[in-house]
Protein backbone atom coordinates (compact mmCIF):
# COMPACT_ATOMS: atom_id res chain seq x y z
CA MET A 1 119.13 -106.69 31.32
CA TYR A 2 116.17 -109.04 31.28
CA PRO A 3 113.51 -107.77 28.80
CA GLY A 4 110.34 -106.65 30.56
CA LEU A 5 111.62 -107.63 34.01
CA GLU A 6 112.75 -105.30 36.77
CA VAL A 7 115.73 -106.50 38.79
CA ALA A 8 116.88 -105.15 42.14
CA ASP A 9 120.27 -104.96 43.83
CA VAL A 10 122.33 -104.28 40.72
CA MET A 11 125.90 -103.21 41.44
CA LEU A 12 128.75 -101.79 39.44
CA ARG A 13 131.86 -103.76 40.39
CA VAL A 14 135.20 -102.11 39.67
CA ARG A 15 138.41 -104.11 40.02
CA VAL A 16 141.81 -102.45 39.57
CA PRO A 17 145.40 -103.75 39.74
CA GLN A 18 147.57 -103.07 42.79
CA THR A 19 149.23 -100.15 40.99
CA ALA A 20 145.92 -98.31 40.49
CA ARG A 21 143.12 -96.83 42.57
CA VAL A 22 139.59 -95.62 41.87
CA ARG A 23 139.19 -91.86 42.29
CA PHE A 24 135.46 -91.67 41.67
CA VAL A 25 132.46 -93.45 40.14
CA LYS A 26 129.49 -91.40 38.96
CA GLN A 27 126.27 -92.16 37.14
CA THR A 28 125.80 -89.54 34.42
CA ALA A 29 122.56 -90.67 32.71
CA PRO A 30 119.61 -90.76 32.95
CA THR A 31 120.26 -88.90 36.22
CA ILE A 32 123.43 -87.67 37.90
CA GLU A 33 124.47 -89.55 41.03
CA ASP A 34 127.85 -89.72 42.74
CA LEU A 35 128.34 -93.34 43.79
CA THR A 36 131.89 -92.92 45.11
CA GLY A 37 130.96 -92.81 48.79
CA ARG A 38 128.66 -95.85 48.53
CA ARG A 39 131.48 -98.27 47.79
CA THR A 40 131.65 -101.59 49.64
CA GLU A 41 134.65 -103.88 49.38
CA ALA A 42 134.21 -106.90 47.11
CA GLY A 43 137.52 -108.70 47.41
CA PRO A 44 141.14 -107.75 46.71
CA GLN A 45 141.36 -104.51 44.72
CA ALA A 46 137.60 -104.59 43.99
CA GLY A 47 134.64 -102.52 45.11
CA ASP A 48 130.88 -102.61 44.54
CA TYR A 49 128.85 -99.46 43.87
CA PRO A 50 125.07 -99.97 44.32
CA THR A 51 122.93 -98.71 41.44
CA GLY A 52 119.48 -99.78 42.69
CA ALA A 53 116.80 -101.50 40.63
CA TRP A 54 116.88 -101.63 36.83
CA GLY A 55 114.02 -102.01 34.34
CA GLY A 56 114.15 -104.64 31.61
CA GLN A 57 115.09 -102.29 28.76
CA GLU A 58 116.98 -99.71 30.81
CA SER A 59 120.48 -98.46 30.08
CA ARG A 60 122.64 -96.05 32.06
CA ASP A 61 125.90 -94.16 31.59
CA TYR A 62 128.74 -94.05 34.11
CA HIS A 63 131.90 -91.96 34.43
CA LEU A 64 134.87 -93.54 36.19
CA CYS A 65 138.21 -92.02 37.10
CA VAL A 66 141.06 -94.44 37.78
CA GLU A 67 144.53 -93.29 38.84
CA VAL A 68 147.33 -95.54 37.61
CA GLN A 69 151.04 -95.63 38.32
CA ALA A 70 153.29 -93.92 35.77
CA ALA A 71 154.91 -96.13 33.14
CA THR A 72 157.15 -95.83 30.09
CA VAL A 73 156.01 -94.38 26.75
CA GLY A 74 154.32 -96.99 24.60
CA GLN A 75 153.39 -99.25 27.51
CA GLU A 76 149.78 -100.41 27.80
CA MET A 77 148.13 -101.84 30.88
CA GLN A 78 144.72 -102.87 32.13
CA ALA A 79 143.57 -100.02 34.36
CA ALA A 80 140.27 -101.53 35.50
CA ARG A 81 137.70 -104.22 34.90
CA VAL A 82 134.11 -103.01 35.24
CA SER A 83 131.27 -105.48 35.70
CA LEU A 84 127.52 -105.11 36.12
CA VAL A 85 126.60 -107.55 38.86
CA LEU A 86 123.20 -108.81 40.03
CA SER A 87 123.04 -109.84 43.67
CA SER A 88 120.52 -112.43 44.87
CA PRO A 89 120.15 -114.90 47.78
CA SER A 90 121.65 -117.61 45.58
CA GLY A 91 124.76 -115.58 44.79
CA THR A 92 125.91 -113.06 42.21
CA GLU A 93 125.53 -113.04 38.44
CA VAL A 94 127.69 -111.00 36.08
CA LEU A 95 125.39 -109.29 33.54
CA GLY A 96 128.11 -107.57 31.55
CA GLN A 97 131.78 -106.69 31.69
CA GLU A 98 134.20 -104.21 30.11
CA MET A 99 137.94 -103.70 30.33
CA ILE A 100 139.50 -100.25 30.66
CA LYS A 101 143.05 -99.89 29.34
CA ALA A 102 145.64 -97.16 29.77
CA MET A 103 148.44 -96.37 27.34
CA TRP A 104 151.32 -93.97 27.88
CA THR A 105 152.22 -91.59 25.07
CA ASP A 106 154.38 -88.55 24.38
CA ASN A 107 152.00 -87.46 21.60
CA GLU A 108 150.51 -84.20 22.84
CA GLU A 109 147.43 -84.48 20.62
CA TRP A 110 146.56 -87.91 22.00
CA SER A 111 147.27 -87.01 25.62
CA THR A 112 145.13 -83.86 25.58
CA ARG A 113 142.22 -85.19 23.53
CA ILE A 114 138.96 -85.53 25.48
CA ASP A 115 136.42 -88.13 24.42
CA PRO A 116 133.19 -86.34 23.39
CA ARG A 117 131.16 -88.59 25.70
CA VAL A 118 133.36 -87.68 28.68
CA ALA A 119 133.16 -83.98 27.80
CA LYS A 120 129.37 -84.19 27.63
CA ALA A 121 129.12 -86.04 30.93
CA THR A 122 131.43 -83.68 32.82
CA GLY A 123 129.60 -80.66 31.42
CA GLN A 124 126.26 -81.96 32.64
CA THR A 125 127.71 -82.75 36.04
CA GLU A 126 129.11 -79.23 36.36
CA LEU A 127 125.76 -77.75 35.32
CA ALA A 128 123.88 -79.74 37.98
CA ALA A 129 126.41 -78.77 40.65
CA ALA A 130 126.19 -75.07 39.73
CA ILE A 131 122.40 -75.12 40.00
CA GLN A 132 122.30 -76.96 43.30
CA GLU A 133 125.04 -74.83 44.86
CA GLY A 134 123.38 -71.65 43.61
CA LEU A 135 120.00 -72.62 45.04
CA ALA A 136 121.58 -73.64 48.35
CA ALA A 137 123.37 -70.28 48.60
CA ARG A 138 120.14 -68.45 47.81
CA ARG A 139 118.31 -70.30 50.58
CA ALA A 140 121.20 -69.58 52.97
CA GLY A 141 120.98 -65.84 52.30
CA ASP A 142 124.23 -65.60 50.31
CA PRO A 143 123.22 -63.62 47.20
CA GLN A 144 126.79 -63.18 45.94
CA THR A 145 127.49 -66.92 45.72
CA ALA A 146 123.97 -67.63 44.46
CA THR A 147 124.36 -65.11 41.63
CA ALA A 148 127.78 -66.46 40.65
CA ARG A 149 126.76 -70.12 40.64
CA LEU A 150 123.38 -69.65 38.95
CA GLY A 151 125.06 -67.36 36.41
CA ARG A 152 127.54 -70.14 35.68
CA ALA A 153 124.61 -72.52 35.24
CA VAL A 154 122.98 -70.17 32.74
CA ALA A 155 126.21 -69.98 30.71
CA LEU A 156 126.62 -73.78 30.72
CA ALA A 157 123.00 -74.41 29.74
CA HIS A 158 123.28 -71.89 26.92
CA ALA A 159 126.58 -73.30 25.63
CA SER A 160 125.34 -76.90 25.66
CA GLY A 161 121.97 -76.14 24.11
CA GLN A 162 119.97 -77.38 27.08
CA GLU A 163 117.00 -75.14 26.44
CA GLU A 164 114.68 -76.74 28.99
CA THR A 165 117.14 -76.13 31.82
CA ALA A 166 117.83 -72.62 30.56
CA GLN A 167 114.10 -71.89 30.65
CA LEU A 168 113.77 -73.21 34.21
CA LEU A 169 116.65 -70.98 35.30
CA THR A 170 114.77 -67.89 34.09
CA ARG A 171 112.23 -68.59 36.83
CA VAL A 172 114.82 -67.85 39.52
CA VAL A 173 117.10 -65.31 37.81
CA ASP A 174 116.79 -62.49 35.29
CA VAL A 175 119.26 -63.24 32.49
CA VAL A 176 121.25 -60.22 31.31
CA ASP A 177 123.73 -62.10 29.09
CA PRO A 178 123.47 -65.90 28.68
CA VAL A 179 126.89 -66.19 27.03
CA THR A 180 128.82 -64.73 29.96
CA GLY A 181 126.33 -65.92 32.57
CA THR A 182 125.47 -62.43 33.76
CA VAL A 183 122.29 -62.66 35.83
CA ARG A 184 120.33 -60.96 38.60
CA LEU A 185 118.51 -62.89 41.30
CA LYS A 186 114.75 -62.49 41.17
CA PRO A 187 113.52 -60.87 44.41
CA LYS A 188 110.68 -63.38 44.71
CA VAL A 189 110.66 -66.98 43.53
CA ARG A 190 107.85 -69.48 43.89
CA ASP A 191 108.76 -72.55 45.92
CA VAL A 192 107.48 -74.80 43.14
CA ASP A 193 109.78 -73.16 40.58
CA GLU A 194 112.82 -73.55 42.82
CA MET A 195 111.91 -77.16 43.59
CA THR A 196 111.38 -77.99 39.91
CA LEU A 197 114.75 -76.55 38.94
CA ASP A 198 116.46 -78.45 41.76
CA VAL A 199 114.91 -81.79 40.76
CA GLU A 200 115.31 -81.36 37.01
CA SER A 201 118.97 -80.34 37.34
CA THR A 202 119.98 -83.95 38.01
CA LYS A 203 118.27 -85.28 34.87
CA THR A 204 120.58 -85.52 31.89
CA VAL A 205 120.53 -85.70 28.13
CA ARG A 206 121.67 -89.10 26.85
CA VAL A 207 125.21 -89.01 25.52
CA LYS A 208 125.34 -90.17 21.90
CA ARG A 209 127.84 -92.93 21.08
């Protein structure tokens, strides 16, 4: 980005070949946002996902899922081209670009290996979803679902070492066993505590490269 300058209307442009399709596009840091439903078409096999304004020194992480057509073992193909695009009245400017490749293998170790950055991102996304679903169920008067989802959140926060989130969760549930996610809903919860947990659940820990 431009040092010290905030720019608006930045988009993530994803272009795939005719044999592929985009399943989802999510921002995973510094906050979690599902951009999938915000797509606008940007030409043949391409779509733009708005990311809003960026600060001069800002960086963000994204998680993409692209479905590609099956091929033979050993074959490699370009699955997607991802560009960061700045839109302005004078046109568009490509700020950066990366290629995503897919390779077919019959090596079980390779095919089942999960990149640590992807594992981290998906874990944080699941944690945020568990918190938000648990709070929504609590507000809707569904204690069974609220207990199950907030218990899952406690277990995820404990397993990933997210102590701040774990501490916020103790304001809405009594933790019996953080490992298994066994909890009891608190009979009374302050609105500010529930609101803080809801807001903070979408903030993430930067994934180390």
